Amino acid sequence: MWSWLVCACATMTWVASLGFLFSFGIFLPVFMNYFNESREATAWLGSVGIALAFFTGHLSSALVTRFGCRVTTLIGGAFCVVSLITSSFVENMMVLFFTYSLLFGLGSSCTFSAGLVVIGKYFKKRQSLATGVLTAGHGGGVLVMGPTLEALVRITGSWQTTYRIMAGVAFVLCCLAVTFDPNVESDDDGTDNQGKEEAIGDDNTIKKVSPKKQLVDISVWKELPVVAIIVAACVVEIGHFVPQIHLIRYGEDLGISAEKGSKLFIYYGLCSAIGRLLAGILCNNEKINPFYAFQAAEFVAGLSTILVTLTTTYTSLVIYIIVYGLSDGFFFTSLSFILLTVSPLKTPAVLGWEMMLTSAFLASGPPLAGIGNNLVLKLHLQSVNKAQSVCLLADKLGSYVLPFQVAGGITLAGSFIPFMLLCDKRRGKAVSIPEQEEGSKNLQGEA
């Protein structure tokens, strides 16, 4: 029972940090009016914050390795609280890049890494299900935070007051990390350092694995499953999130109003949350290879994004967003679960590399962006920079058909990358659900 309490508390820390971070679109028009800045300039506030949350993955992972999940989450929560309070007194938007984008991005990075790692500490048999619950906190956080923040801004009439209120909320939710018992972590680490043995190579080759605590661990790149999932994640993220940014405008091209089109994201949010939970249940089955779940999710997402260009009605878009939402949920949970299990003794290092490299793709768009982009950060910011690149392509062609087809094609291509594991004789061991030693239990009870 304690393990599930920890899972719930970790989910709440994600709601407080990632939910707020990815709801920046609520403040976009508010900041534009308050600072009298353009949409493009203001959009960078959220873009930089998201990019930093992932780019600093190595730093947050190193903190998890050095201080544990509890302390790292509390550090991240402190960054978020200080960020919101100091930002509420800022009168210059350039200063917000430091007080909000930098500080809140760092705080979110800490809660993100610590949340995933603590699930690996407390759960063995039901680790994938717990991961599904945790990742649902990300999507659910956006669904909850969006309306909440909009209501607070409207009622208080001030974004500064809203930031101060949310600082209190972030403080309370991140303090739930006190439930992360560091003894569980030290117990695991002690077991590892005393000589956990792992089969490497052929059956006759046995090697002791003793993870070293270092800031940048490049040894993970010697493991083919790690390479496969990180490269695949980087490629699919180029195209996966494009529909979240541009679907409303694509609907307008079909004669569907923006108000009606915005309701599509209600279906998306619900289906994504359901997909994350279903993926957690599915991957909990030892017969299911999580890499296959990841590939299937991205194959469906890519193919459906290509086929949506053939639609002409609102009903068709509803069907598409339901399919896309479910595949998005499966993608996020299966990816998170793989990152936890692909190299169990080096999870912080794997997380650090994945977060840092995917952030490079999140920040790859601005050099290609054109002037006059009025589509950025409509509802989500997860792929704001890539959205600008696609927007440029759409502006040049006068249509979203080809950009959607390209995005879907790239997503499809990325889904095939893990097939490189067919060349790895150890692929089954590398991605299987960690087995518990007979009779072993977590400190607070087996989960």
Protein backbone atom coordinates (compact mmCIF):
# COMPACT_ATOMS: atom_id res chain seq x y z
CA MET A 1 0.00 0.00 0.00
CA TRP A 2 2.85 2.38 0.77
CA SER A 3 4.23 1.86 -2.72
CA TRP A 4 0.96 3.08 -4.24
CA LEU A 5 0.96 6.08 -1.91
CA VAL A 6 4.44 6.91 -3.22
CA CYS A 7 3.14 6.51 -6.79
CA ALA A 8 0.24 8.89 -6.08
CA CYS A 9 2.59 11.45 -4.49
CA ALA A 10 5.02 11.25 -7.43
CA THR A 11 2.08 11.80 -9.78
CA MET A 12 1.10 14.92 -7.85
CA THR A 13 4.64 16.32 -8.17
CA TRP A 14 4.34 15.87 -11.93
CA VAL A 15 0.97 17.64 -11.91
CA ALA A 16 2.49 20.57 -10.01
CA SER A 17 5.56 20.96 -12.23
CA LEU A 18 4.93 19.47 -15.68
CA GLY A 19 1.22 20.31 -15.61
CA PHE A 20 2.03 23.98 -15.07
CA LEU A 21 4.97 23.98 -17.50
CA PHE A 22 2.91 22.60 -20.39
CA SER A 23 0.00 24.95 -19.66
CA PHE A 24 1.98 28.04 -20.58
CA GLY A 25 -0.40 28.66 -23.48
CA ILE A 26 -2.86 30.10 -20.95
CA PHE A 27 -0.41 32.91 -20.16
CA LEU A 28 0.67 33.55 -23.75
CA PRO A 29 -1.97 36.20 -24.58
CA VAL A 30 -1.73 37.59 -21.04
CA PHE A 31 2.03 38.15 -21.31
CA MET A 32 1.67 39.52 -24.84
CA ASN A 33 -0.66 42.25 -23.58
CA TYR A 34 1.18 42.92 -20.33
CA PHE A 35 4.66 43.23 -21.85
CA ASN A 36 3.43 44.49 -25.23
CA GLU A 37 5.47 41.85 -27.05
CA SER A 38 4.85 39.80 -30.19
CA ARG A 39 3.48 36.27 -30.13
CA GLU A 40 6.77 34.83 -31.36
CA ALA A 41 8.89 36.58 -28.72
CA THR A 42 6.52 35.64 -25.92
CA ALA A 43 6.29 32.03 -27.07
CA TRP A 44 10.01 31.60 -26.41
CA LEU A 45 9.35 31.87 -22.66
CA GLY A 46 7.52 28.55 -22.64
CA SER A 47 9.70 27.03 -25.33
CA VAL A 48 12.93 27.64 -23.43
CA GLY A 49 11.40 26.36 -20.21
CA ILE A 50 10.36 23.07 -21.83
CA ALA A 51 13.67 22.65 -23.64
CA LEU A 52 15.63 23.22 -20.41
CA ALA A 53 13.45 20.76 -18.50
CA PHE A 54 14.77 18.05 -20.80
CA PHE A 55 18.21 19.42 -21.66
CA THR A 56 19.22 19.43 -17.99
CA GLY A 57 18.34 15.77 -17.69
CA HIS A 58 21.94 14.83 -16.90
CA LEU A 59 22.05 17.32 -14.04
CA SER A 60 18.78 16.16 -12.50
CA SER A 61 19.73 12.51 -12.98
CA ALA A 62 23.06 13.17 -11.25
CA LEU A 63 21.17 14.72 -8.34
CA VAL A 64 18.98 11.62 -8.12
CA THR A 65 22.09 9.40 -8.09
CA ARG A 66 23.85 11.54 -5.49
CA PHE A 67 21.04 12.58 -3.15
CA GLY A 68 18.13 10.25 -3.92
CA CYS A 69 14.61 10.81 -5.20
CA ARG A 70 13.22 12.52 -2.09
CA VAL A 71 15.86 15.25 -1.86
CA THR A 72 15.94 15.78 -5.63
CA THR A 73 12.16 16.26 -5.78
CA LEU A 74 12.27 18.70 -2.87
CA ILE A 75 15.07 20.59 -4.64
CA GLY A 76 12.97 20.67 -7.81
CA GLY A 77 9.93 21.84 -5.88
CA ALA A 78 11.99 24.61 -4.27
CA PHE A 79 13.13 25.77 -7.72
CA CYS A 80 9.51 25.84 -8.93
CA VAL A 81 8.26 27.78 -5.89
CA VAL A 82 11.10 30.33 -6.03
CA SER A 83 10.56 30.66 -9.78
CA LEU A 84 6.86 31.47 -9.47
CA ILE A 85 7.27 33.90 -6.57
CA THR A 86 10.15 35.85 -8.11
CA SER A 87 8.48 35.89 -11.53
CA SER A 88 5.37 37.49 -10.03
CA PHE A 89 7.42 40.63 -9.28
CA VAL A 90 9.10 40.89 -12.69
CA GLU A 91 8.35 43.91 -14.88
CA ASN A 92 10.61 43.01 -17.81
CA MET A 93 9.98 40.00 -20.01
CA MET A 94 13.68 39.35 -20.57
CA VAL A 95 14.07 38.79 -16.83
CA LEU A 96 11.35 36.14 -17.04
CA PHE A 97 13.69 34.00 -19.13
CA PHE A 98 15.77 33.62 -15.97
CA THR A 99 13.14 33.66 -13.23
CA TYR A 100 10.63 31.45 -15.08
CA SER A 101 12.14 29.61 -18.07
CA LEU A 102 15.44 28.71 -16.39
CA LEU A 103 14.36 28.12 -12.79
CA PHE A 104 11.05 26.40 -13.51
CA GLY A 105 12.66 24.32 -16.25
CA LEU A 106 15.31 23.10 -13.80
CA GLY A 107 12.70 22.34 -11.16
CA SER A 108 10.56 20.37 -13.61
CA SER A 109 13.60 18.40 -14.74
CA CYS A 110 14.27 17.33 -11.14
CA THR A 111 10.69 16.20 -10.47
CA PHE A 112 10.54 14.42 -13.84
CA SER A 113 13.71 12.35 -13.28
CA ALA A 114 13.04 11.65 -9.61
CA GLY A 115 9.43 10.63 -10.31
CA LEU A 116 10.43 7.99 -12.86
CA VAL A 117 13.33 6.65 -10.81
CA VAL A 118 11.29 6.35 -7.60
CA ILE A 119 8.77 4.17 -9.44
CA GLY A 120 11.62 1.84 -10.33
CA LYS A 121 12.67 1.76 -6.67
CA TYR A 122 9.28 0.87 -5.23
CA PHE A 123 7.76 -1.32 -7.92
CA LYS A 124 8.85 -4.57 -9.51
CA LYS A 125 5.91 -6.76 -10.54
CA ARG A 126 3.55 -3.83 -11.24
CA GLN A 127 6.16 -1.35 -12.41
CA SER A 128 4.56 -0.76 -15.80
CA LEU A 129 1.15 -0.10 -14.26
CA ALA A 130 2.67 2.36 -11.78
CA THR A 131 4.47 4.04 -14.69
CA GLY A 132 1.15 4.38 -16.49
CA VAL A 133 -0.39 6.08 -13.46
CA LEU A 134 2.61 8.42 -13.18
CA THR A 135 2.59 9.41 -16.85
CA ALA A 136 -1.17 9.97 -16.68
CA GLY A 137 -0.29 12.70 -14.19
CA HIS A 138 1.45 14.55 -17.00
CA GLY A 139 -1.53 14.60 -19.36
CA GLY A 140 -4.02 14.92 -16.54
CA GLY A 141 -1.98 17.77 -15.11
CA VAL A 142 -2.40 19.75 -18.31
CA LEU A 143 -6.14 19.06 -18.39
CA VAL A 144 -6.53 20.17 -14.78
CA MET A 145 -4.07 23.05 -14.83
CA GLY A 146 -5.37 24.61 -18.04
CA PRO A 147 -8.92 25.40 -16.85
CA THR A 148 -7.68 26.14 -13.32
CA LEU A 149 -5.11 28.70 -14.44
CA GLU A 150 -7.55 30.30 -16.88
CA ALA A 151 -10.11 30.65 -14.09
CA LEU A 152 -7.56 32.08 -11.66
CA VAL A 153 -6.38 34.69 -14.15
CA ARG A 154 -9.97 35.65 -14.91
CA ILE A 155 -11.09 35.81 -11.26
CA THR A 156 -8.03 37.56 -9.84
CA GLY A 157 -7.51 39.71 -12.93
CA SER A 158 -3.76 39.34 -12.47
CA TRP A 159 -1.22 36.80 -13.65
CA GLN A 160 1.04 37.85 -10.75
CA THR A 161 -1.55 36.75 -8.18
CA THR A 162 -2.09 33.52 -10.09
CA TYR A 163 1.65 32.79 -9.99
CA ARG A 164 1.73 33.36 -6.21
CA ILE A 165 -1.23 31.08 -5.66
CA MET A 166 0.36 28.38 -7.79
CA ALA A 167 3.60 28.77 -5.83
CA GLY A 168 1.67 27.67 -2.74
CA VAL A 169 0.11 24.76 -4.64
CA ALA A 170 3.51 23.66 -5.97
CA PHE A 171 4.96 23.85 -2.45
CA VAL A 172 2.25 21.60 -0.99
CA LEU A 173 2.31 19.04 -3.81
CA CYS A 174 6.10 18.78 -4.03
CA CYS A 175 6.35 18.35 -0.26
CA LEU A 176 4.54 15.03 -0.79
CA ALA A 177 7.98 13.74 -1.78
CA VAL A 178 8.66 13.19 1.94
CA THR A 179 6.91 9.84 1.40
CA PHE A 180 9.87 8.71 -0.75
CA ASP A 181 11.76 6.65 1.82
CA PRO A 182 15.50 6.98 1.14
CA ASN A 183 16.08 3.67 2.91
CA VAL A 184 14.52 1.89 -0.04
CA GLU A 185 17.09 3.51 -2.30
CA SER A 186 20.08 2.93 -0.04
CA ASP A 187 18.98 -0.67 0.40
CA ASP A 188 18.91 -1.18 -3.37
CA ASP A 189 22.21 0.60 -3.88
CA GLY A 190 23.84 -1.43 -1.14
CA THR A 191 22.65 -4.65 -2.72
CA ASP A 192 24.02 -3.55 -6.08
CA ASN A 193 27.39 -2.50 -4.73
CA GLN A 194 27.80 -5.69 -2.75
CA GLY A 195 27.86 -7.64 -5.96
CA LYS A 196 24.74 -7.87 -8.08
CA GLU A 197 25.71 -10.08 -10.95
CA GLU A 198 24.31 -9.73 -14.42
CA ALA A 199 24.79 -12.01 -17.38
CA ILE A 200 26.52 -10.18 -20.19
CA GLY A 201 27.39 -11.71 -23.53
CA ASP A 202 27.15 -15.48 -23.85
CA ASP A 203 25.92 -17.67 -21.12
CA ASN A 204 29.47 -18.47 -20.04
CA THR A 205 30.46 -14.83 -19.61
CA ILE A 206 29.47 -13.44 -16.24
CA LYS A 207 30.41 -9.99 -15.11
CA LYS A 208 29.87 -8.05 -11.94
CA VAL A 209 28.12 -4.78 -12.53
CA SER A 210 28.70 -2.05 -9.99
CA PRO A 211 27.21 1.27 -11.18
CA LYS A 212 29.47 4.26 -10.72
CA LYS A 213 28.02 7.51 -9.61
CA GLN A 214 29.14 10.06 -12.15
CA LEU A 215 27.65 13.04 -13.90
CA VAL A 216 27.93 11.72 -17.46
CA ASP A 217 27.95 7.94 -17.93
CA ILE A 218 28.80 7.11 -21.55
CA SER A 219 28.95 3.38 -20.92
CA VAL A 220 25.20 3.10 -21.60
CA TRP A 221 25.92 3.68 -25.29
CA LYS A 222 27.57 0.26 -25.42
CA GLU A 223 24.14 -1.29 -24.91
CA LEU A 224 22.20 -1.69 -28.15
CA PRO A 225 18.72 -1.50 -26.54
CA VAL A 226 19.65 1.86 -25.01
CA VAL A 227 20.81 3.15 -28.40
CA ALA A 228 17.66 1.84 -30.07
CA ILE A 229 15.20 3.53 -27.71
CA ILE A 230 17.00 6.87 -27.50
CA VAL A 231 17.49 7.18 -31.27
CA ALA A 232 13.90 6.08 -31.91
CA ALA A 233 12.57 8.57 -29.36
CA CYS A 234 14.53 11.42 -30.94
CA VAL A 235 13.26 10.62 -34.45
CA VAL A 236 9.59 10.09 -33.62
CA GLU A 237 9.40 13.28 -31.56
CA ILE A 238 10.16 15.28 -34.71
CA GLY A 239 6.75 14.39 -36.09
CA HIS A 240 4.72 12.93 -33.24
CA PHE A 241 3.61 16.19 -31.64
CA VAL A 242 2.86 18.15 -34.83
CA PRO A 243 -0.91 17.39 -34.76
CA GLN A 244 -1.21 18.76 -31.22
CA ILE A 245 -0.05 22.13 -32.49
CA HIS A 246 -1.65 22.39 -35.91
CA LEU A 247 -4.86 20.37 -35.85
CA ILE A 248 -7.06 23.37 -35.04
CA ARG A 249 -5.67 25.39 -37.95
CA TYR A 250 -5.95 22.36 -40.23
CA GLY A 251 -9.60 22.13 -39.22
CA GLU A 252 -10.07 25.80 -40.10
CA ASP A 253 -8.78 25.02 -43.59
CA LEU A 254 -11.59 22.48 -43.79
CA GLY A 255 -14.16 25.06 -42.71
CA ILE A 256 -14.31 23.97 -39.04
CA SER A 257 -14.31 26.84 -36.56
CA ALA A 258 -11.50 27.19 -34.04
CA GLU A 259 -13.99 27.00 -31.17
CA LYS A 260 -15.36 23.70 -32.45
CA GLY A 261 -11.87 22.46 -33.28
CA SER A 262 -10.59 23.19 -29.79
CA LYS A 263 -13.06 20.63 -28.42
CA LEU A 264 -11.00 17.96 -30.19
CA PHE A 265 -8.41 18.31 -27.45
CA ILE A 266 -10.94 17.21 -24.86
CA TYR A 267 -11.15 13.88 -26.69
CA TYR A 268 -7.38 13.89 -27.06
CA GLY A 269 -6.71 14.50 -23.38
CA LEU A 270 -9.12 11.82 -22.20
CA CYS A 271 -7.93 9.23 -24.73
CA SER A 272 -4.28 9.97 -23.99
CA ALA A 273 -4.85 9.46 -20.26
CA ILE A 274 -6.74 6.22 -20.94
CA GLY A 275 -4.00 5.07 -23.30
CA ARG A 276 -1.33 5.65 -20.66
CA LEU A 277 -3.17 3.55 -18.12
CA LEU A 278 -3.93 0.79 -20.64
CA ALA A 279 -0.29 0.70 -21.71
CA GLY A 280 0.73 0.33 -18.09
CA ILE A 281 -1.59 -2.66 -17.71
CA LEU A 282 -0.48 -4.19 -21.01
CA CYS A 283 3.25 -3.83 -20.38
CA ASN A 284 2.75 -5.43 -16.98
CA ASN A 285 2.24 -8.71 -18.86
CA GLU A 286 5.60 -10.46 -19.03
CA LYS A 287 4.70 -11.82 -22.47
CA ILE A 288 4.48 -8.29 -23.89
CA ASN A 289 7.72 -6.73 -25.08
CA PRO A 290 7.45 -2.97 -24.27
CA PHE A 291 9.50 -2.18 -27.38
CA TYR A 292 6.71 -3.68 -29.49
CA ALA A 293 4.14 -1.56 -27.65
CA PHE A 294 6.26 1.53 -28.37
CA GLN A 295 6.59 0.62 -32.04
CA ALA A 296 2.90 -0.18 -32.47
CA ALA A 297 1.91 3.12 -30.83
CA GLU A 298 4.15 5.18 -33.11
CA PHE A 299 3.17 3.19 -36.20
CA VAL A 300 -0.51 3.94 -35.52
CA ALA A 301 0.24 7.59 -34.69
CA GLY A 302 2.26 8.08 -37.87
CA LEU A 303 -0.15 6.26 -40.17
CA SER A 304 -3.20 8.05 -38.75
CA THR A 305 -1.47 11.43 -39.16
CA ILE A 306 -0.89 10.66 -42.84
CA LEU A 307 -4.46 9.45 -43.35
CA VAL A 308 -6.00 12.47 -41.60
CA THR A 309 -5.02 14.53 -44.65
CA LEU A 310 -7.78 12.66 -46.52
CA THR A 311 -10.49 13.80 -44.11
CA THR A 312 -13.02 16.50 -44.91
CA THR A 313 -15.48 16.35 -42.01
CA TYR A 314 -15.45 17.10 -38.29
CA THR A 315 -16.51 13.54 -37.48
CA SER A 316 -13.42 12.25 -39.26
CA LEU A 317 -11.22 14.54 -37.18
CA VAL A 318 -12.89 13.25 -33.99
CA ILE A 319 -12.12 9.67 -35.00
CA TYR A 320 -8.53 10.65 -35.80
CA ILE A 321 -7.90 12.46 -32.51
CA ILE A 322 -9.29 9.49 -30.56
CA VAL A 323 -6.92 7.11 -32.35
CA TYR A 324 -4.04 9.55 -32.04
CA GLY A 325 -4.77 10.19 -28.36
CA LEU A 326 -4.74 6.48 -27.51
CA SER A 327 -1.49 5.94 -29.42
CA ASP A 328 0.03 9.01 -27.75
CA GLY A 329 -0.78 7.53 -24.35
CA PHE A 330 0.74 4.18 -25.29
CA PHE A 331 3.82 5.97 -26.63
CA PHE A 332 4.52 7.96 -23.49
CA THR A 333 3.99 5.11 -21.02
CA SER A 334 5.86 2.48 -23.03
CA LEU A 335 8.77 4.89 -23.57
CA SER A 336 8.92 5.74 -19.87
CA PHE A 337 8.77 2.07 -18.89
CA ILE A 338 11.53 1.14 -21.33
CA LEU A 339 13.75 3.91 -19.97
CA LEU A 340 13.28 2.45 -16.49
CA THR A 341 14.00 -1.15 -17.46
CA VAL A 342 16.33 -1.08 -20.46
CA SER A 343 19.39 -0.80 -18.20
CA PRO A 344 18.13 -1.13 -14.61
CA LEU A 345 21.49 -0.41 -12.95
CA LYS A 346 21.99 2.77 -14.98
CA THR A 347 18.49 4.24 -15.10
CA PRO A 348 19.52 7.82 -14.14
CA ALA A 349 22.16 7.85 -16.91
CA VAL A 350 19.69 6.55 -19.51
CA LEU A 351 17.13 9.17 -18.46
CA GLY A 352 19.75 11.90 -18.59
CA TRP A 353 20.86 11.08 -22.14
CA GLU A 354 17.30 10.64 -23.42
CA MET A 355 16.11 13.92 -21.93
CA MET A 356 19.11 15.89 -23.16
CA LEU A 357 19.07 14.56 -26.73
CA THR A 358 15.32 14.86 -27.23
CA SER A 359 15.54 18.44 -26.03
CA ALA A 360 17.84 19.16 -28.97
CA PHE A 361 15.01 18.12 -31.27
CA LEU A 362 12.54 20.21 -29.30
CA ALA A 363 14.79 23.23 -29.88
CA SER A 364 15.69 22.51 -33.50
CA GLY A 365 13.00 24.59 -35.18
CA PRO A 366 13.70 28.30 -34.60
CA PRO A 367 16.43 28.68 -37.26
CA LEU A 368 13.89 27.51 -39.85
CA ALA A 369 10.99 29.53 -38.50
CA GLY A 370 9.55 32.36 -40.55
CA ILE A 371 8.18 35.71 -39.46
CA GLY A 372 4.47 35.96 -38.82
CA ASN A 373 3.94 32.54 -37.28
CA ASN A 374 0.65 32.92 -35.45
CA LEU A 375 0.07 29.32 -34.56
CA VAL A 376 2.63 28.70 -31.84
CA LEU A 377 1.45 27.43 -28.47
CA LYS A 378 -2.23 27.19 -29.27
CA LEU A 379 -2.90 24.59 -26.64
CA HIS A 380 0.33 22.68 -26.07
CA LEU A 381 4.02 23.62 -26.04
CA GLN A 382 5.57 20.19 -26.11
CA SER A 383 6.83 20.68 -29.63
CA VAL A 384 6.68 24.43 -30.07
CA ASN A 385 9.95 24.78 -31.99
CA LYS A 386 9.15 21.97 -34.39
CA ALA A 387 5.73 23.56 -34.78
CA GLN A 388 7.41 26.70 -36.10
CA SER A 389 9.32 24.66 -38.69
CA VAL A 390 6.18 22.90 -39.90
CA CYS A 391 4.38 26.22 -39.93
CA LEU A 392 7.02 27.60 -42.30
CA LEU A 393 6.51 24.64 -44.61
CA ALA A 394 2.74 25.14 -44.47
CA ASP A 395 3.13 28.87 -45.20
CA LYS A 396 5.25 28.12 -48.27
CA LEU A 397 2.87 25.49 -49.62
CA GLY A 398 -0.37 27.14 -48.54
CA SER A 399 -1.60 23.83 -47.11
CA TYR A 400 -1.09 21.51 -44.13
CA VAL A 401 -1.49 18.35 -46.20
CA LEU A 402 2.18 17.82 -47.03
CA PRO A 403 3.48 18.91 -43.58
CA PHE A 404 1.15 16.39 -41.92
CA GLN A 405 2.23 13.68 -44.35
CA VAL A 406 5.90 14.44 -43.70
CA ALA A 407 5.35 14.42 -39.93
CA GLY A 408 3.51 11.11 -40.14
CA GLY A 409 6.19 9.65 -42.38
CA ILE A 410 8.97 10.61 -39.95
CA THR A 411 7.00 9.10 -37.08
CA LEU A 412 6.54 5.89 -39.06
CA ALA A 413 10.27 5.76 -39.82
CA GLY A 414 11.11 6.19 -36.15
CA SER A 415 8.82 3.30 -35.20
CA PHE A 416 10.98 0.92 -37.26
CA ILE A 417 14.29 1.86 -35.62
CA PRO A 418 13.97 -0.58 -32.68
CA PHE A 419 14.03 -3.43 -35.20
CA MET A 420 17.80 -3.10 -34.92
CA LEU A 421 17.34 -5.16 -31.76
CA LEU A 422 16.72 -8.19 -33.96
CA CYS A 423 20.50 -8.22 -34.31
CA ASP A 424 20.94 -8.35 -30.53
CA LYS A 425 20.86 -11.85 -29.09
CA ARG A 426 20.31 -10.40 -25.62
CA ARG A 427 17.32 -8.23 -26.53
CA GLY A 428 14.92 -10.36 -24.47
CA LYS A 429 16.96 -9.91 -21.30
CA ALA A 430 17.51 -6.23 -21.89
CA VAL A 431 13.87 -5.21 -22.10
CA SER A 432 12.05 -7.77 -20.02
CA ILE A 433 10.24 -6.75 -16.87
CA PRO A 434 12.68 -6.98 -13.97
CA GLU A 435 12.08 -10.17 -12.05
CA GLN A 436 11.98 -10.17 -8.33
CA GLU A 437 14.27 -12.50 -6.51
CA GLU A 438 12.25 -15.17 -4.79
CA GLY A 439 11.07 -13.97 -1.45
CA SER A 440 12.34 -10.40 -1.95
CA LYS A 441 10.11 -7.47 -1.06
CA ASN A 442 10.29 -3.73 -1.00
CA LEU A 443 11.04 -2.14 2.36
CA GLN A 444 7.45 -0.94 2.63
CA GLY A 445 5.85 -4.02 1.10
CA GLU A 446 5.91 -5.73 -2.24
CA ALA A 447 4.20 -3.87 -5.10
